[in-house]
Amino acid sequence: MTILSSENALQKLMEGNKRYVAEKPVYPNQTTVRRAEIAEGQHPFAIIVSCSDSRVPPEIIFDQGLGDLFVIRVAGNTVDNMVMASVEYAAEHLNVQLALVLGHKRCGAVDAAIKSDGSRGSIDNLIKAIKPAVEKAKNQTGDLQDNAVKANVKMVVDQLKSSKPILCELVKDNKLMIIGAFYDLDSGLVDVIT
């Protein structure tokens, strides 16, 4: 199995997104043959930390298939210890060289952080994780929610890049590129933002 460089992995993702937007998906690696090929081991070419929003399925918006993406989905694409461990596993043990943090337009978790003055249960932890991005976005011109989503993506990218000892070393040694992107629910387009 050939390991894709971070640049080639990003190119493959963006080409898949272009096919998706143009309504010309090829649905790669979605056969019983592929299922048999990967049954004994996985070799994804990209890590995607994405929101769990049902409108943002990475395999579909990047036109990829079985075994192509190591996807971690959590509301607001936030990072806790379990998410961090999942990224570390894929980067260190599966040798994935690209991690992409994917935020999206009209994110409900970010909207909750904008509007909330407190919540109940575990949702409060989610809101607290996103609030610093909302505060940063308040000083920017333009749409508050879009700006907060993008600030949140950048914040998560920074968290991942600075995570010691594994991720920061892989980044420093050019064995892992961590970037952020924004998915437009209306157009289907993914734009790299970091």
N, C-alpha and C. Protein backbone atom coordinates (compact mmCIF):
# COMPACT_ATOMS: atom_id res chain seq x y z
N MET A 1 0.84 -1.20 0.00
CA MET A 1 0.00 0.00 0.00
C MET A 1 0.88 1.25 0.00
N THR A 2 0.66 2.12 -0.94
CA THR A 2 1.41 3.36 -1.04
C THR A 2 0.81 4.39 -0.09
N ILE A 3 1.67 5.04 0.67
CA ILE A 3 1.22 6.11 1.56
C ILE A 3 1.23 7.41 0.78
N LEU A 4 0.10 8.08 0.75
CA LEU A 4 0.01 9.35 0.04
C LEU A 4 0.63 10.46 0.87
N SER A 5 1.37 11.33 0.22
CA SER A 5 1.88 12.52 0.90
C SER A 5 0.70 13.40 1.27
N SER A 6 0.93 14.31 2.19
CA SER A 6 -0.15 15.21 2.61
C SER A 6 -0.67 16.03 1.43
N GLU A 7 0.23 16.47 0.55
CA GLU A 7 -0.19 17.27 -0.61
C GLU A 7 -1.05 16.45 -1.57
N ASN A 8 -0.63 15.20 -1.83
CA ASN A 8 -1.40 14.34 -2.73
C ASN A 8 -2.74 13.94 -2.11
N ALA A 9 -2.74 13.74 -0.79
CA ALA A 9 -3.99 13.41 -0.11
C ALA A 9 -4.98 14.58 -0.20
N LEU A 10 -4.48 15.80 0.01
CA LEU A 10 -5.35 16.97 -0.09
C LEU A 10 -5.87 17.12 -1.52
N GLN A 11 -5.01 16.91 -2.49
CA GLN A 11 -5.44 17.00 -3.89
C GLN A 11 -6.54 15.98 -4.18
N LYS A 12 -6.38 14.77 -3.68
CA LYS A 12 -7.37 13.71 -3.88
C LYS A 12 -8.72 14.09 -3.25
N LEU A 13 -8.66 14.68 -2.05
CA LEU A 13 -9.90 15.13 -1.40
C LEU A 13 -10.59 16.21 -2.22
N MET A 14 -9.81 17.20 -2.66
CA MET A 14 -10.40 18.33 -3.37
C MET A 14 -10.93 17.93 -4.75
N GLU A 15 -10.25 16.98 -5.40
CA GLU A 15 -10.76 16.47 -6.68
C GLU A 15 -12.09 15.75 -6.46
N GLY A 16 -12.18 14.98 -5.38
CA GLY A 16 -13.43 14.31 -5.05
C GLY A 16 -14.54 15.31 -4.76
N ASN A 17 -14.21 16.40 -4.06
CA ASN A 17 -15.21 17.42 -3.78
C ASN A 17 -15.68 18.10 -5.06
N LYS A 18 -14.76 18.33 -5.99
CA LYS A 18 -15.15 18.92 -7.27
C LYS A 18 -16.12 18.01 -8.02
N ARG A 19 -15.87 16.71 -7.98
CA ARG A 19 -16.79 15.76 -8.64
C ARG A 19 -18.15 15.81 -7.95
N TYR A 20 -18.15 15.86 -6.63
CA TYR A 20 -19.41 15.92 -5.87
C TYR A 20 -20.20 17.19 -6.23
N VAL A 21 -19.52 18.32 -6.25
CA VAL A 21 -20.18 19.59 -6.56
C VAL A 21 -20.73 19.58 -8.00
N ALA A 22 -19.98 18.99 -8.92
CA ALA A 22 -20.38 18.94 -10.33
C ALA A 22 -21.41 17.84 -10.60
N GLU A 23 -21.81 17.13 -9.55
CA GLU A 23 -22.75 16.01 -9.67
C GLU A 23 -22.22 14.94 -10.62
N LYS A 24 -20.89 14.68 -10.50
CA LYS A 24 -20.24 13.64 -11.30
C LYS A 24 -19.41 12.72 -10.41
N PRO A 25 -20.01 12.22 -9.31
CA PRO A 25 -19.23 11.34 -8.43
C PRO A 25 -18.91 10.03 -9.14
N VAL A 26 -17.79 9.42 -8.75
CA VAL A 26 -17.41 8.12 -9.32
C VAL A 26 -17.59 7.00 -8.30
N TYR A 27 -17.93 7.35 -7.07
CA TYR A 27 -18.17 6.37 -6.00
C TYR A 27 -17.04 5.34 -5.92
N PRO A 28 -15.80 5.78 -5.71
CA PRO A 28 -14.68 4.84 -5.69
C PRO A 28 -14.72 3.92 -4.47
N ASN A 29 -14.13 2.77 -4.64
CA ASN A 29 -13.92 1.84 -3.52
C ASN A 29 -15.19 1.51 -2.75
N GLN A 30 -16.28 1.28 -3.48
CA GLN A 30 -17.54 0.95 -2.82
C GLN A 30 -18.08 -0.38 -3.34
N THR A 31 -17.18 -1.35 -3.55
CA THR A 31 -17.56 -2.64 -4.09
C THR A 31 -17.27 -3.75 -3.08
N THR A 32 -17.78 -4.94 -3.36
CA THR A 32 -17.47 -6.08 -2.50
C THR A 32 -15.99 -6.45 -2.61
N VAL A 33 -15.39 -6.20 -3.77
CA VAL A 33 -13.96 -6.44 -3.93
C VAL A 33 -13.18 -5.54 -2.97
N ARG A 34 -13.55 -4.27 -2.92
CA ARG A 34 -12.87 -3.34 -2.01
C ARG A 34 -13.07 -3.77 -0.56
N ARG A 35 -14.29 -4.17 -0.23
CA ARG A 35 -14.55 -4.61 1.14
C ARG A 35 -13.64 -5.77 1.51
N ALA A 36 -13.44 -6.71 0.61
CA ALA A 36 -12.56 -7.85 0.86
C ALA A 36 -11.10 -7.39 0.97
N GLU A 37 -10.70 -6.41 0.15
CA GLU A 37 -9.32 -5.90 0.18
C GLU A 37 -8.95 -5.31 1.54
N ILE A 38 -9.89 -4.63 2.16
CA ILE A 38 -9.58 -3.93 3.41
C ILE A 38 -10.04 -4.66 4.67
N ALA A 39 -10.61 -5.83 4.50
CA ALA A 39 -11.15 -6.55 5.65
C ALA A 39 -10.10 -6.83 6.71
N GLU A 40 -8.86 -7.06 6.31
CA GLU A 40 -7.81 -7.41 7.27
C GLU A 40 -6.97 -6.23 7.73
N GLY A 41 -7.18 -5.04 7.16
CA GLY A 41 -6.40 -3.89 7.59
C GLY A 41 -6.80 -2.64 6.84
N GLN A 42 -6.57 -1.51 7.48
CA GLN A 42 -6.95 -0.24 6.87
C GLN A 42 -5.73 0.61 6.54
N HIS A 43 -5.86 1.38 5.48
CA HIS A 43 -4.81 2.28 5.02
C HIS A 43 -5.44 3.57 4.51
N PRO A 44 -6.16 4.30 5.36
CA PRO A 44 -6.79 5.54 4.89
C PRO A 44 -5.72 6.56 4.48
N PHE A 45 -6.10 7.44 3.56
CA PHE A 45 -5.14 8.45 3.11
C PHE A 45 -5.34 9.79 3.78
N ALA A 46 -6.44 9.98 4.50
CA ALA A 46 -6.69 11.25 5.19
C ALA A 46 -7.50 11.02 6.46
N ILE A 47 -7.23 11.87 7.45
CA ILE A 47 -8.01 11.93 8.68
C ILE A 47 -8.95 13.12 8.52
N ILE A 48 -10.22 12.92 8.80
CA ILE A 48 -11.18 14.02 8.76
C ILE A 48 -11.81 14.15 10.14
N VAL A 49 -11.63 15.31 10.77
CA VAL A 49 -12.32 15.63 12.02
C VAL A 49 -13.47 16.54 11.61
N SER A 50 -14.66 15.99 11.67
CA SER A 50 -15.83 16.68 11.11
C SER A 50 -16.94 16.77 12.14
N CYS A 51 -17.85 17.69 11.89
CA CYS A 51 -19.05 17.80 12.70
C CYS A 51 -19.92 16.56 12.47
N SER A 52 -20.67 16.18 13.47
CA SER A 52 -21.56 15.02 13.33
C SER A 52 -22.87 15.37 12.64
N ASP A 53 -23.02 16.60 12.18
CA ASP A 53 -24.21 17.04 11.45
C ASP A 53 -24.50 16.07 10.29
N SER A 54 -25.74 15.64 10.19
CA SER A 54 -26.12 14.65 9.18
C SER A 54 -25.99 15.16 7.75
N ARG A 55 -25.81 16.46 7.58
CA ARG A 55 -25.68 17.04 6.25
C ARG A 55 -24.24 17.11 5.77
N VAL A 56 -23.31 16.60 6.59
CA VAL A 56 -21.88 16.74 6.29
C VAL A 56 -21.17 15.38 6.35
N PRO A 57 -21.55 14.43 5.48
CA PRO A 57 -20.87 13.13 5.48
C PRO A 57 -19.59 13.17 4.64
N PRO A 58 -18.42 13.11 5.27
CA PRO A 58 -17.16 13.27 4.54
C PRO A 58 -16.99 12.34 3.34
N GLU A 59 -17.34 11.06 3.48
CA GLU A 59 -17.16 10.14 2.36
C GLU A 59 -17.94 10.58 1.13
N ILE A 60 -19.09 11.20 1.33
CA ILE A 60 -19.91 11.63 0.20
C ILE A 60 -19.40 12.96 -0.37
N ILE A 61 -19.16 13.95 0.49
CA ILE A 61 -18.77 15.27 -0.04
C ILE A 61 -17.37 15.29 -0.63
N PHE A 62 -16.55 14.26 -0.30
CA PHE A 62 -15.23 14.13 -0.92
C PHE A 62 -15.21 12.98 -1.93
N ASP A 63 -16.36 12.36 -2.20
CA ASP A 63 -16.49 11.27 -3.17
C ASP A 63 -15.42 10.21 -2.94
N GLN A 64 -15.42 9.62 -1.75
CA GLN A 64 -14.47 8.58 -1.40
C GLN A 64 -15.23 7.34 -0.96
N GLY A 65 -14.51 6.26 -0.71
CA GLY A 65 -15.17 5.00 -0.40
C GLY A 65 -14.62 4.31 0.82
N LEU A 66 -14.87 3.01 0.87
CA LEU A 66 -14.46 2.19 2.01
C LEU A 66 -12.95 2.24 2.21
N GLY A 67 -12.55 2.52 3.44
CA GLY A 67 -11.14 2.50 3.78
C GLY A 67 -10.34 3.72 3.36
N ASP A 68 -10.96 4.69 2.69
CA ASP A 68 -10.22 5.85 2.20
C ASP A 68 -9.99 6.91 3.27
N LEU A 69 -10.97 7.11 4.13
CA LEU A 69 -10.91 8.19 5.12
C LEU A 69 -11.02 7.64 6.53
N PHE A 70 -10.25 8.21 7.43
CA PHE A 70 -10.36 7.92 8.86
C PHE A 70 -11.17 9.07 9.44
N VAL A 71 -12.46 8.85 9.63
CA VAL A 71 -13.38 9.93 9.98
C VAL A 71 -13.71 9.91 11.46
N ILE A 72 -13.58 11.10 12.08
CA ILE A 72 -13.94 11.29 13.48
C ILE A 72 -14.98 12.39 13.49
N ARG A 73 -16.21 12.06 13.89
CA ARG A 73 -17.28 13.04 13.85
C ARG A 73 -17.76 13.34 15.27
N VAL A 74 -17.84 14.63 15.56
CA VAL A 74 -18.32 15.09 16.86
C VAL A 74 -18.94 16.47 16.66
N ALA A 75 -20.00 16.75 17.37
CA ALA A 75 -20.68 18.04 17.21
C ALA A 75 -19.69 19.20 17.32
N GLY A 76 -19.76 20.10 16.35
CA GLY A 76 -18.90 21.27 16.35
C GLY A 76 -17.45 20.97 16.02
N ASN A 77 -17.17 19.77 15.51
CA ASN A 77 -15.80 19.32 15.21
C ASN A 77 -14.82 19.75 16.30
N THR A 78 -15.23 19.54 17.55
CA THR A 78 -14.40 19.89 18.69
C THR A 78 -13.48 18.72 19.04
N VAL A 79 -12.46 19.00 19.85
CA VAL A 79 -11.49 17.98 20.22
C VAL A 79 -11.47 17.80 21.73
N ASP A 80 -11.67 16.56 22.14
CA ASP A 80 -11.45 16.18 23.53
C ASP A 80 -10.38 15.09 23.53
N ASN A 81 -10.12 14.45 24.64
CA ASN A 81 -9.07 13.44 24.72
C ASN A 81 -9.31 12.25 23.79
N MET A 82 -10.55 11.84 23.64
CA MET A 82 -10.85 10.69 22.79
C MET A 82 -10.65 11.03 21.31
N VAL A 83 -11.07 12.22 20.92
CA VAL A 83 -10.85 12.65 19.54
C VAL A 83 -9.35 12.78 19.28
N MET A 84 -8.63 13.39 20.22
CA MET A 84 -7.18 13.55 20.08
C MET A 84 -6.52 12.18 19.93
N ALA A 85 -6.92 11.23 20.75
CA ALA A 85 -6.35 9.88 20.68
C ALA A 85 -6.63 9.23 19.34
N SER A 86 -7.80 9.46 18.79
CA SER A 86 -8.14 8.90 17.48
C SER A 86 -7.26 9.49 16.38
N VAL A 87 -7.04 10.80 16.43
CA VAL A 87 -6.16 11.44 15.45
C VAL A 87 -4.74 10.91 15.60
N GLU A 88 -4.27 10.81 16.84
CA GLU A 88 -2.93 10.29 17.09
C GLU A 88 -2.78 8.87 16.54
N TYR A 89 -3.77 8.04 16.77
CA TYR A 89 -3.72 6.66 16.29
C TYR A 89 -3.58 6.62 14.76
N ALA A 90 -4.42 7.37 14.08
CA ALA A 90 -4.38 7.35 12.62
C ALA A 90 -3.06 7.90 12.08
N ALA A 91 -2.56 8.96 12.71
CA ALA A 91 -1.32 9.57 12.23
C ALA A 91 -0.11 8.71 12.56
N GLU A 92 -0.04 8.19 13.78
CA GLU A 92 1.15 7.45 14.20
C GLU A 92 1.14 5.99 13.76
N HIS A 93 0.01 5.32 13.90
CA HIS A 93 -0.04 3.88 13.63
C HIS A 93 -0.46 3.53 12.21
N LEU A 94 -1.24 4.40 11.59
CA LEU A 94 -1.68 4.13 10.22
C LEU A 94 -0.90 4.97 9.20
N ASN A 95 -0.01 5.81 9.70
CA ASN A 95 0.85 6.66 8.86
C ASN A 95 0.08 7.59 7.93
N VAL A 96 -1.06 8.08 8.39
CA VAL A 96 -1.82 9.05 7.60
C VAL A 96 -1.11 10.40 7.72
N GLN A 97 -0.88 11.05 6.60
CA GLN A 97 -0.08 12.27 6.60
C GLN A 97 -0.89 13.56 6.48
N LEU A 98 -2.21 13.43 6.36
CA LEU A 98 -3.07 14.62 6.28
C LEU A 98 -4.21 14.50 7.27
N ALA A 99 -4.39 15.55 8.09
CA ALA A 99 -5.56 15.66 8.96
C ALA A 99 -6.28 16.94 8.57
N LEU A 100 -7.56 16.83 8.29
CA LEU A 100 -8.36 17.98 7.88
C LEU A 100 -9.50 18.17 8.87
N VAL A 101 -9.57 19.35 9.46
CA VAL A 101 -10.66 19.71 10.37
C VAL A 101 -11.71 20.42 9.53
N LEU A 102 -12.92 19.87 9.50
CA LEU A 102 -13.97 20.35 8.60
C LEU A 102 -15.13 20.98 9.37
N GLY A 103 -15.23 22.31 9.27
CA GLY A 103 -16.39 23.02 9.80
C GLY A 103 -17.39 23.23 8.67
N HIS A 104 -18.58 23.70 9.00
CA HIS A 104 -19.57 23.87 7.94
C HIS A 104 -20.54 25.01 8.23
N LYS A 105 -21.11 25.52 7.17
CA LYS A 105 -22.10 26.60 7.24
C LYS A 105 -23.29 26.15 8.09
N ARG A 106 -23.85 27.08 8.85
CA ARG A 106 -25.03 26.84 9.67
C ARG A 106 -24.85 25.68 10.66
N CYS A 107 -23.69 25.63 11.29
CA CYS A 107 -23.41 24.60 12.29
C CYS A 107 -24.26 24.85 13.54
N GLY A 108 -25.05 23.87 13.91
CA GLY A 108 -25.92 24.00 15.08
C GLY A 108 -25.16 24.13 16.38
N ALA A 109 -24.03 23.46 16.50
CA ALA A 109 -23.23 23.55 17.72
C ALA A 109 -22.67 24.96 17.90
N VAL A 110 -22.20 25.55 16.81
CA VAL A 110 -21.68 26.91 16.87
C VAL A 110 -22.82 27.89 17.15
N ASP A 111 -23.96 27.67 16.52
CA ASP A 111 -25.12 28.52 16.77
C ASP A 111 -25.53 28.46 18.24
N ALA A 112 -25.48 27.27 18.82
CA ALA A 112 -25.81 27.12 20.24
C ALA A 112 -24.82 27.89 21.11
N ALA A 113 -23.54 27.88 20.72
CA ALA A 113 -22.53 28.62 21.48
C ALA A 113 -22.73 30.12 21.35
N ILE A 114 -23.21 30.57 20.19
CA ILE A 114 -23.49 32.00 19.99
C ILE A 114 -24.67 32.44 20.86
N LYS A 115 -25.71 31.64 20.91
CA LYS A 115 -26.97 32.02 21.55
C LYS A 115 -27.07 31.65 23.02
N SER A 116 -26.23 30.73 23.48
CA SER A 116 -26.39 30.17 24.82
C SER A 116 -25.85 31.08 25.92
N ASP A 117 -26.59 31.08 27.01
CA ASP A 117 -26.11 31.73 28.23
C ASP A 117 -26.00 30.66 29.32
N GLY A 118 -25.88 29.45 28.89
CA GLY A 118 -25.81 28.30 29.79
C GLY A 118 -26.70 27.22 29.26
N SER A 119 -26.41 26.01 29.58
CA SER A 119 -27.17 24.89 29.08
C SER A 119 -27.26 23.83 30.15
N ARG A 120 -27.84 22.73 29.75
CA ARG A 120 -27.97 21.63 30.69
C ARG A 120 -27.18 20.44 30.18
N GLY A 121 -26.69 19.67 31.11
CA GLY A 121 -26.03 18.43 30.75
C GLY A 121 -24.71 18.63 30.03
N SER A 122 -24.34 17.64 29.27
CA SER A 122 -23.06 17.63 28.58
C SER A 122 -22.98 18.64 27.45
N ILE A 123 -24.12 19.13 26.97
CA ILE A 123 -24.11 20.14 25.90
C ILE A 123 -23.33 21.37 26.37
N ASP A 124 -23.36 21.65 27.66
CA ASP A 124 -22.62 22.79 28.18
C ASP A 124 -21.12 22.66 27.92
N ASN A 125 -20.59 21.44 27.99
CA ASN A 125 -19.17 21.22 27.69
C ASN A 125 -18.86 21.56 26.24
N LEU A 126 -19.76 21.21 25.35
CA LEU A 126 -19.60 21.52 23.93
C LEU A 126 -19.60 23.03 23.71
N ILE A 127 -20.54 23.69 24.33
CA ILE A 127 -20.65 25.15 24.19
C ILE A 127 -19.41 25.84 24.75
N LYS A 128 -18.93 25.38 25.89
CA LYS A 128 -17.72 25.97 26.48
C LYS A 128 -16.51 25.80 25.55
N ALA A 129 -16.44 24.67 24.85
CA ALA A 129 -15.31 24.43 23.95
C ALA A 129 -15.34 25.38 22.75
N ILE A 130 -16.53 25.77 22.32
CA ILE A 130 -16.68 26.61 21.12
C ILE A 130 -16.70 28.11 21.45
N LYS A 131 -17.06 28.47 22.67
CA LYS A 131 -17.20 29.89 23.06
C LYS A 131 -15.98 30.75 22.73
N PRO A 132 -14.74 30.30 22.93
CA PRO A 132 -13.59 31.15 22.58
C PRO A 132 -13.58 31.54 21.10
N ALA A 133 -14.01 30.66 20.24
CA ALA A 133 -14.09 30.97 18.81
C ALA A 133 -15.17 32.01 18.55
N VAL A 134 -16.28 31.90 19.26
CA VAL A 134 -17.36 32.89 19.12
C VAL A 134 -16.87 34.26 19.55
N GLU A 135 -16.16 34.32 20.67
CA GLU A 135 -15.65 35.59 21.16
C GLU A 135 -14.68 36.22 20.15
N LYS A 136 -13.84 35.41 19.56
CA LYS A 136 -12.90 35.90 18.56
C LYS A 136 -13.66 36.43 17.33
N ALA A 137 -14.70 35.72 16.92
CA ALA A 137 -15.46 36.09 15.72
C ALA A 137 -16.26 37.38 15.91
N LYS A 138 -16.60 37.71 17.14
CA LYS A 138 -17.38 38.93 17.40
C LYS A 138 -16.65 40.19 16.96
N ASN A 139 -15.33 40.14 16.89
CA ASN A 139 -14.54 41.30 16.48
C ASN A 139 -14.31 41.38 14.98
N GLN A 140 -14.87 40.45 14.23
CA GLN A 140 -14.66 40.42 12.78
C GLN A 140 -15.88 40.96 12.04
N THR A 141 -15.63 41.48 10.85
CA THR A 141 -16.75 41.91 10.02
C THR A 141 -17.31 40.70 9.29
N GLY A 142 -18.55 40.80 8.86
CA GLY A 142 -19.17 39.69 8.14
C GLY A 142 -20.12 38.91 9.03
N ASP A 143 -20.51 37.74 8.55
CA ASP A 143 -21.48 36.89 9.23
C ASP A 143 -20.87 36.28 10.49
N LEU A 144 -21.48 36.54 11.63
CA LEU A 144 -20.96 36.06 12.91
C LEU A 144 -20.85 34.54 12.93
N GLN A 145 -21.89 33.86 12.48
CA GLN A 145 -21.86 32.41 12.57
C GLN A 145 -20.78 31.80 11.66
N ASP A 146 -20.69 32.25 10.41
CA ASP A 146 -19.64 31.74 9.52
C ASP A 146 -18.26 32.04 10.10
N ASN A 147 -18.08 33.25 10.61
CA ASN A 147 -16.79 33.63 11.19
C ASN A 147 -16.47 32.77 12.41
N ALA A 148 -17.49 32.47 13.22
CA ALA A 148 -17.28 31.64 14.42
C ALA A 148 -16.95 30.20 14.02
N VAL A 149 -17.60 29.69 12.99
CA VAL A 149 -17.29 28.33 12.51
C VAL A 149 -15.83 28.28 12.07
N LYS A 150 -15.41 29.27 11.29
CA LYS A 150 -14.03 29.30 10.79
C LYS A 150 -13.02 29.50 11.93
N ALA A 151 -13.37 30.34 12.89
CA ALA A 151 -12.49 30.54 14.05
C ALA A 151 -12.38 29.24 14.86
N ASN A 152 -13.49 28.53 14.97
CA ASN A 152 -13.48 27.25 15.68
C ASN A 152 -12.60 26.23 14.97
N VAL A 153 -12.69 26.17 13.64
CA VAL A 153 -11.84 25.27 12.87
C VAL A 153 -10.38 25.60 13.12
N LYS A 154 -10.04 26.89 13.04
CA LYS A 154 -8.64 27.30 13.24
C LYS A 154 -8.17 26.97 14.66
N MET A 155 -9.06 27.13 15.62
CA MET A 155 -8.72 26.82 17.00
C MET A 155 -8.43 25.32 17.17
N VAL A 156 -9.25 24.48 16.54
CA VAL A 156 -9.06 23.03 16.62
C VAL A 156 -7.78 22.62 15.89
N VAL A 157 -7.52 23.22 14.73
CA VAL A 157 -6.26 22.95 14.02
C VAL A 157 -5.08 23.26 14.92
N ASP A 158 -5.11 24.40 15.60
CA ASP A 158 -4.02 24.78 16.51
C ASP A 158 -3.90 23.80 17.67
N GLN A 159 -5.04 23.34 18.21
CA GLN A 159 -5.01 22.35 19.30
C GLN A 159 -4.31 21.08 18.84
N LEU A 160 -4.65 20.62 17.66
CA LEU A 160 -4.06 19.39 17.14
C LEU A 160 -2.57 19.58 16.88
N LYS A 161 -2.20 20.69 16.23
CA LYS A 161 -0.79 20.94 15.91
C LYS A 161 0.09 21.03 17.14
N SER A 162 -0.46 21.52 18.23
CA SER A 162 0.35 21.73 19.44
C SER A 162 0.25 20.57 20.43
N SER A 163 -0.49 19.52 20.08
CA SER A 163 -0.68 18.40 20.98
C SER A 163 0.62 17.60 21.15
N LYS A 164 1.06 17.52 22.41
CA LYS A 164 2.31 16.83 22.73
C LYS A 164 2.02 15.46 23.29
N PRO A 165 2.88 14.50 23.07
CA PRO A 165 4.11 14.60 22.31
C PRO A 165 3.95 14.18 20.84
N ILE A 166 2.88 13.48 20.50
CA ILE A 166 2.80 12.81 19.20
C ILE A 166 2.56 13.76 18.03
N LEU A 167 1.46 14.49 18.04
CA LEU A 167 1.09 15.27 16.85
C LEU A 167 2.06 16.39 16.56
N CYS A 168 2.49 17.11 17.60
CA CYS A 168 3.42 18.22 17.35
C CYS A 168 4.73 17.73 16.76
N GLU A 169 5.18 16.55 17.18
CA GLU A 169 6.42 15.99 16.62
C GLU A 169 6.24 15.57 15.17
N LEU A 170 5.10 14.96 14.86
CA LEU A 170 4.84 14.56 13.47
C LEU A 170 4.75 15.77 12.56
N VAL A 171 4.12 16.85 13.04
CA VAL A 171 4.03 18.09 12.27
C VAL A 171 5.43 18.66 12.06
N LYS A 172 6.20 18.73 13.14
CA LYS A 172 7.57 19.28 13.08
C LYS A 172 8.45 18.50 12.11
N ASP A 173 8.27 17.18 12.06
CA ASP A 173 9.07 16.32 11.19
C ASP A 173 8.49 16.19 9.78
N ASN A 174 7.49 17.02 9.47
CA ASN A 174 6.81 17.00 8.16
C ASN A 174 6.24 15.63 7.80
N LYS A 175 5.76 14.92 8.82
CA LYS A 175 5.11 13.64 8.60
C LYS A 175 3.59 13.75 8.73
N LEU A 176 3.13 14.95 9.07
CA LEU A 176 1.69 15.20 9.21
C LEU A 176 1.41 16.66 8.93
N MET A 177 0.45 16.91 8.04
CA MET A 177 -0.03 18.26 7.79
C MET A 177 -1.45 18.33 8.36
N ILE A 178 -1.71 19.36 9.15
CA ILE A 178 -3.03 19.55 9.74
C ILE A 178 -3.59 20.87 9.21
N ILE A 179 -4.73 20.79 8.55
CA ILE A 179 -5.34 21.98 7.95
C ILE A 179 -6.82 22.05 8.31
N GLY A 180 -7.40 23.21 8.07
CA GLY A 180 -8.83 23.41 8.30
C GLY A 180 -9.53 23.71 7.00
N ALA A 181 -10.83 23.41 6.98
CA ALA A 181 -11.64 23.66 5.79
C ALA A 181 -13.06 24.00 6.21
N PHE A 182 -13.78 24.62 5.28
CA PHE A 182 -15.16 25.06 5.51
C PHE A 182 -16.03 24.50 4.40
N TYR A 183 -17.11 23.82 4.78
CA TYR A 183 -18.04 23.21 3.83
C TYR A 183 -19.29 24.08 3.73
N ASP A 184 -19.63 24.48 2.51
CA ASP A 184 -20.82 25.29 2.25
C ASP A 184 -21.99 24.35 1.96
N LEU A 185 -22.96 24.32 2.84
CA LEU A 185 -24.11 23.42 2.69
C LEU A 185 -24.89 23.70 1.40
N ASP A 186 -24.88 24.94 0.95
CA ASP A 186 -25.67 25.30 -0.24
C ASP A 186 -25.00 24.87 -1.54
N SER A 187 -23.71 25.16 -1.68
CA SER A 187 -23.01 24.85 -2.92
C SER A 187 -22.38 23.46 -2.93
N GLY A 188 -22.11 22.92 -1.74
CA GLY A 188 -21.41 21.65 -1.63
C GLY A 188 -19.90 21.79 -1.68
N LEU A 189 -19.43 23.00 -1.84
CA LEU A 189 -17.99 23.25 -2.01
C LEU A 189 -17.26 23.27 -0.67
N VAL A 190 -16.07 22.66 -0.64
CA VAL A 190 -15.18 22.71 0.50
C VAL A 190 -14.04 23.65 0.16
N ASP A 191 -13.78 24.63 1.02
CA ASP A 191 -12.66 25.56 0.85
C ASP A 191 -11.69 25.37 2.00
N VAL A 192 -10.41 25.26 1.67
CA VAL A 192 -9.37 25.19 2.69
C VAL A 192 -9.22 26.59 3.28
N ILE A 193 -9.20 26.69 4.61
CA ILE A 193 -9.14 28.01 5.26
C ILE A 193 -7.90 28.21 6.11
N THR A 194 -7.10 27.17 6.32
CA THR A 194 -5.85 27.34 7.07
C THR A 194 -4.72 26.69 6.34
